[in-house]
Amino acid sequence: MTGDKKRKRTGVMEAKEADKVKEVEKPKAESKEEKQEPRPKRTKQKVERYFDKKEKTQETGTSIQSTGPSNSKSEKKKTNKRRARPIYVLKISSIPYGFFEKQLLKYFLQFGQVIRVRVSRNKKTGNHRGWAYVGFDDKTVAEIAAETMDGYLMFNKRLSCRVMDAPPLCMKSGPRLVSVPSKRGTTIKDAKKRLKQQTEQNETKAQKRRSKSLEAAQLRLKAAGIEYDLPVPSSSKEKPQK
């Protein structure tokens, strides 16, 4: 009897476990079937929305603007023009030595936002020429800076400032500050040009320049009442005798 009872219990337990496994497997199969069902395409929804908007605009009388990306060059130029910031340039002359790009930027930031600073420099040596440009984002700020700094005495030099009508090319685009040109590269290039063998055309041009300068000096001496004949320049190359 005990053996039969045990067998019945084990059979009941196995049946219950089988029912549980079936119940767990059913939702998994249903989820797979749901995944396999085709989803509605988004393009149809977009088309329906577009026609709905079109009908509404026809009723109201307004126009639809395309939301897609514009590839035309004219539209790109318009966006670039919108992004370009207006700049009002202040020209400063008779600047003392040592008052360069960084110093100008720090000094003129007290008036307002400075967009660009350019100091006029010699391309060969990199030395400054005594004048610079400072660009502001507001016209009133540039005018106030010009009024306050015009005639300002700085290191035994009197500054002269004025607002330009149109910005120069160097101030229309570029970074806020520009690095100073190096002296080494330019000096080597100049030395190579000087050491280059001169052609006949260059030599004739140089001789004409020398003769013109000597004639001008001769006229100055005559005007001063000095009688003196300056030597005529001769070519370095000797012409072959015929």
Foldseek 3Di string as FASTA:
>chain_A
DVVVVVVVVVVVVVVVVVVVVVVVVVVVVVVVVVVPDDDDDVVVVVVVVVVVVVVVCVVVVDDDDDPDDDDDPVVVVVVVVVPQADKWKKKKFQADPPCDQVNVCVVLPVLHDWFAKAFDADQQALHGPGMIMIIDRDPVSLVVVQVVQAQDQDPNTGMHMDIDPDDDPVPRDDHRYDDGHDNVVNVVVVVCVVPDDDDPVVQVVVLVVVQVVQVVVCVVCVVVVHDDDDDRDDGPDDDDDD
